[in-house]
N, C-alpha and C. Protein backbone atom coordinates (compact mmCIF):
# COMPACT_ATOMS: atom_id res chain seq x y z
N MET A 1 -37.31 -40.91 17.97
CA MET A 1 -36.13 -40.13 18.44
C MET A 1 -36.76 -38.60 18.66
N SER A 2 -36.44 -37.86 19.35
CA SER A 2 -36.56 -36.73 19.17
C SER A 2 -35.38 -35.54 18.74
N ASP A 3 -35.69 -34.80 18.01
CA ASP A 3 -34.30 -34.12 18.13
C ASP A 3 -33.84 -32.69 19.22
N THR A 4 -33.08 -33.52 19.30
CA THR A 4 -32.12 -32.37 20.18
C THR A 4 -31.55 -31.19 20.15
N THR A 5 -31.58 -31.01 19.04
CA THR A 5 -30.34 -30.18 18.41
C THR A 5 -30.96 -28.44 18.71
N THR A 6 -30.01 -27.73 18.47
CA THR A 6 -30.73 -26.34 19.23
C THR A 6 -30.93 -25.13 18.15
N LYS A 7 -32.49 -25.34 18.13
CA LYS A 7 -32.71 -24.52 16.62
C LYS A 7 -32.28 -22.82 16.68
N PRO A 8 -31.59 -21.95 16.12
CA PRO A 8 -31.20 -20.99 15.82
C PRO A 8 -32.08 -20.01 16.12
N ASP A 9 -31.94 -19.34 16.51
CA ASP A 9 -33.47 -17.78 17.39
C ASP A 9 -33.18 -16.62 16.29
N PRO A 10 -34.61 -16.73 15.96
CA PRO A 10 -34.67 -15.64 14.68
C PRO A 10 -34.36 -14.41 15.04
N THR A 11 -34.65 -14.02 15.92
CA THR A 11 -35.42 -12.51 16.81
C THR A 11 -33.43 -12.30 17.58
N MET A 12 -32.58 -13.31 17.65
CA MET A 12 -31.47 -12.90 17.96
C MET A 12 -30.60 -12.87 16.40
N ALA A 13 -29.69 -12.51 16.97
CA ALA A 13 -28.02 -12.17 15.97
C ALA A 13 -27.00 -12.04 16.90
N THR A 14 -25.52 -12.57 15.93
CA THR A 14 -24.35 -13.04 16.96
C THR A 14 -23.66 -11.48 16.11
N VAL A 15 -23.13 -10.93 17.25
CA VAL A 15 -22.51 -9.67 16.42
C VAL A 15 -20.55 -10.14 17.06
N VAL A 16 -19.92 -9.33 16.81
CA VAL A 16 -18.52 -9.03 17.33
C VAL A 16 -18.80 -7.86 17.38
N ILE A 17 -17.95 -6.74 18.25
CA ILE A 17 -17.82 -5.23 18.78
C ILE A 17 -16.64 -5.24 18.40
N THR A 18 -16.66 -3.27 17.51
CA THR A 18 -15.90 -2.90 16.68
C THR A 18 -15.21 -2.02 16.65
N ALA A 19 -16.16 -1.33 18.36
CA ALA A 19 -15.85 0.33 18.98
C ALA A 19 -15.13 -0.15 20.34
N ASP A 20 -14.50 0.50 20.84
CA ASP A 20 -14.25 0.96 21.98
C ASP A 20 -15.11 1.35 22.95
N HIS A 21 -16.47 2.37 22.43
CA HIS A 21 -17.36 2.35 23.02
C HIS A 21 -18.59 2.41 23.03
N VAL A 22 -19.03 0.66 23.43
CA VAL A 22 -20.79 0.07 23.31
C VAL A 22 -21.22 0.18 24.56
N TYR A 23 -22.31 0.68 24.70
CA TYR A 23 -22.53 0.78 26.19
C TYR A 23 -23.97 -0.58 25.84
N LEU A 24 -24.02 -1.87 26.43
CA LEU A 24 -25.38 -2.26 26.32
C LEU A 24 -26.31 -2.45 27.31
N PRO A 25 -27.66 -2.50 27.43
CA PRO A 25 -28.20 -3.29 28.72
C PRO A 25 -27.89 -4.93 28.17
N LEU A 26 -27.73 -5.89 29.52
CA LEU A 26 -27.39 -6.82 29.21
C LEU A 26 -27.78 -8.23 30.03
N ASP A 27 -27.81 -9.08 29.69
CA ASP A 27 -29.02 -9.93 30.46
C ASP A 27 -27.66 -11.09 31.28
N GLU A 28 -28.35 -11.75 32.70
CA GLU A 28 -27.52 -12.61 33.08
C GLU A 28 -26.56 -13.24 32.36
N ASN A 29 -26.64 -13.73 31.17
CA ASN A 29 -25.83 -14.66 30.19
C ASN A 29 -24.88 -13.77 29.53
N GLY A 30 -24.86 -12.28 29.78
CA GLY A 30 -24.36 -11.35 28.46
C GLY A 30 -24.46 -10.81 27.97
N ASP A 31 -26.01 -11.37 27.30
CA ASP A 31 -26.79 -11.01 26.06
C ASP A 31 -26.93 -9.71 25.80
N GLY A 32 -27.12 -8.75 24.67
CA GLY A 32 -28.51 -7.97 24.94
C GLY A 32 -29.24 -8.23 25.62
N THR A 33 -30.59 -7.55 25.62
CA THR A 33 -31.70 -7.46 26.00
C THR A 33 -32.63 -6.46 24.86
N PHE A 34 -33.73 -6.68 25.03
CA PHE A 34 -34.88 -6.58 23.81
C PHE A 34 -35.39 -5.58 24.19
N ASP A 35 -35.02 -4.71 25.56
CA ASP A 35 -35.05 -3.38 26.04
C ASP A 35 -34.29 -2.29 25.62
N TRP A 36 -33.55 -2.80 25.35
CA TRP A 36 -32.06 -1.91 24.61
C TRP A 36 -32.73 -0.59 24.11
N ALA A 37 -33.38 -0.16 23.67
CA ALA A 37 -33.69 1.32 23.39
C ALA A 37 -34.59 2.41 24.60
N ALA A 38 -35.27 1.17 25.82
CA ALA A 38 -35.37 2.34 26.99
C ALA A 38 -34.26 2.48 27.51
N SER A 39 -34.63 3.97 28.16
CA SER A 39 -33.64 4.89 28.36
C SER A 39 -33.25 4.89 30.31
N ASN A 40 -34.11 4.28 30.77
CA ASN A 40 -34.06 3.75 31.98
C ASN A 40 -33.25 2.23 33.12
N VAL A 41 -32.74 1.73 31.43
CA VAL A 41 -32.49 0.45 31.93
C VAL A 41 -30.93 0.81 31.77
N SER A 42 -29.75 -0.11 32.73
CA SER A 42 -28.62 0.11 33.30
C SER A 42 -28.04 -0.47 32.04
N THR A 43 -26.52 0.20 31.83
CA THR A 43 -26.19 -0.25 31.11
C THR A 43 -24.44 -0.76 31.51
N THR A 44 -23.70 -1.66 30.38
CA THR A 44 -22.39 -2.11 30.83
C THR A 44 -21.17 -2.43 29.10
N LYS A 45 -19.98 -1.38 29.79
CA LYS A 45 -19.19 -1.04 28.68
C LYS A 45 -18.76 -2.59 28.60
N VAL A 46 -18.93 -2.81 26.67
CA VAL A 46 -18.78 -3.61 26.08
C VAL A 46 -17.23 -3.64 25.38
N PRO A 47 -16.55 -4.69 25.99
CA PRO A 47 -15.35 -4.54 25.34
C PRO A 47 -15.25 -4.94 23.90
N ARG A 48 -14.03 -4.46 23.38
CA ARG A 48 -13.93 -4.69 21.67
C ARG A 48 -13.33 -5.78 21.69
N ARG A 49 -14.15 -6.75 20.15
CA ARG A 49 -13.75 -7.76 20.18
C ARG A 49 -14.66 -8.55 21.47
N ALA A 50 -15.80 -8.80 21.53
CA ALA A 50 -16.56 -9.46 22.49
C ALA A 50 -17.44 -9.95 21.53
N ARG A 51 -17.75 -11.42 21.65
CA ARG A 51 -18.84 -11.56 20.88
C ARG A 51 -20.28 -11.88 21.69
N LEU A 52 -21.30 -11.32 20.91
CA LEU A 52 -22.65 -11.37 21.74
C LEU A 52 -23.58 -11.67 20.97
N LYS A 53 -24.73 -12.57 21.46
CA LYS A 53 -26.06 -12.48 20.59
C LYS A 53 -26.87 -11.04 21.41
N VAL A 54 -27.56 -10.42 20.05
CA VAL A 54 -28.25 -9.34 20.37
C VAL A 54 -29.77 -9.44 19.68
N PRO A 55 -30.63 -9.01 20.42
CA PRO A 55 -31.70 -8.57 19.57
C PRO A 55 -31.52 -7.66 17.73
N VAL A 56 -32.41 -8.17 16.76
CA VAL A 56 -31.53 -8.25 15.07
C VAL A 56 -31.80 -6.21 15.60
N ASP A 57 -32.67 -6.07 15.64
CA ASP A 57 -32.56 -4.40 15.76
C ASP A 57 -31.74 -3.74 16.12
N LEU A 58 -31.37 -4.33 16.91
CA LEU A 58 -30.06 -3.67 17.73
C LEU A 58 -28.73 -4.02 17.17
N ALA A 59 -28.68 -5.16 16.34
CA ALA A 59 -27.45 -5.71 15.92
C ALA A 59 -27.11 -4.76 14.43
N CYS A 60 -28.28 -4.68 13.79
CA CYS A 60 -28.71 -4.01 12.71
C CYS A 60 -28.04 -2.30 13.46
N PHE A 61 -29.12 -1.76 14.27
CA PHE A 61 -28.40 -0.38 14.62
C PHE A 61 -27.01 -0.18 14.48
N LEU A 62 -25.90 -1.19 15.50
CA LEU A 62 -24.46 -0.84 16.12
C LEU A 62 -23.76 -1.16 14.75
N SER A 63 -24.47 -2.47 13.82
CA SER A 63 -23.79 -2.35 12.39
C SER A 63 -23.92 -1.11 11.52
N ASP A 64 -24.49 -0.25 11.80
CA ASP A 64 -25.23 1.02 10.69
C ASP A 64 -23.97 1.99 11.35
N ARG A 65 -24.07 2.36 13.06
CA ARG A 65 -23.19 2.94 13.40
C ARG A 65 -21.43 2.58 13.21
N ASP A 66 -21.04 1.30 13.04
CA ASP A 66 -19.85 0.80 12.93
C ASP A 66 -18.96 0.57 14.01
N GLN A 67 -20.56 0.04 14.99
CA GLN A 67 -19.83 -0.64 16.14
C GLN A 67 -20.15 -1.83 16.72
N ALA A 68 -19.93 -3.14 15.19
CA ALA A 68 -20.67 -4.05 15.72
C ALA A 68 -20.27 -4.59 14.08
N GLU A 69 -19.76 -5.80 14.06
CA GLU A 69 -20.11 -6.40 12.89
C GLU A 69 -20.79 -8.05 13.39
N ILE A 70 -21.66 -7.81 12.21
CA ILE A 70 -23.10 -9.16 12.43
C ILE A 70 -22.22 -10.63 11.60
N VAL A 71 -22.26 -11.75 12.49
CA VAL A 71 -21.67 -12.52 12.20
C VAL A 71 -22.32 -13.96 11.61
N SER A 72 -23.69 -13.58 12.11
CA SER A 72 -24.93 -14.93 12.07
C SER A 72 -26.15 -13.96 12.15
């Protein structure tokens, strides 16, 4: 019998946006992308209370700036 459960991705964290002024590069699923620190990427305003997956380093960056709460 194969294991069909989804294993969590250790490179991604779930965050809840806590500020009104967060702009992030998002993928087609609405999650943060790994090239978030690049200056030439298109960004989208993320609404307050939005829950999304972002790279762990971005989650820490947003949390340190009180722009998001890391929930997992």
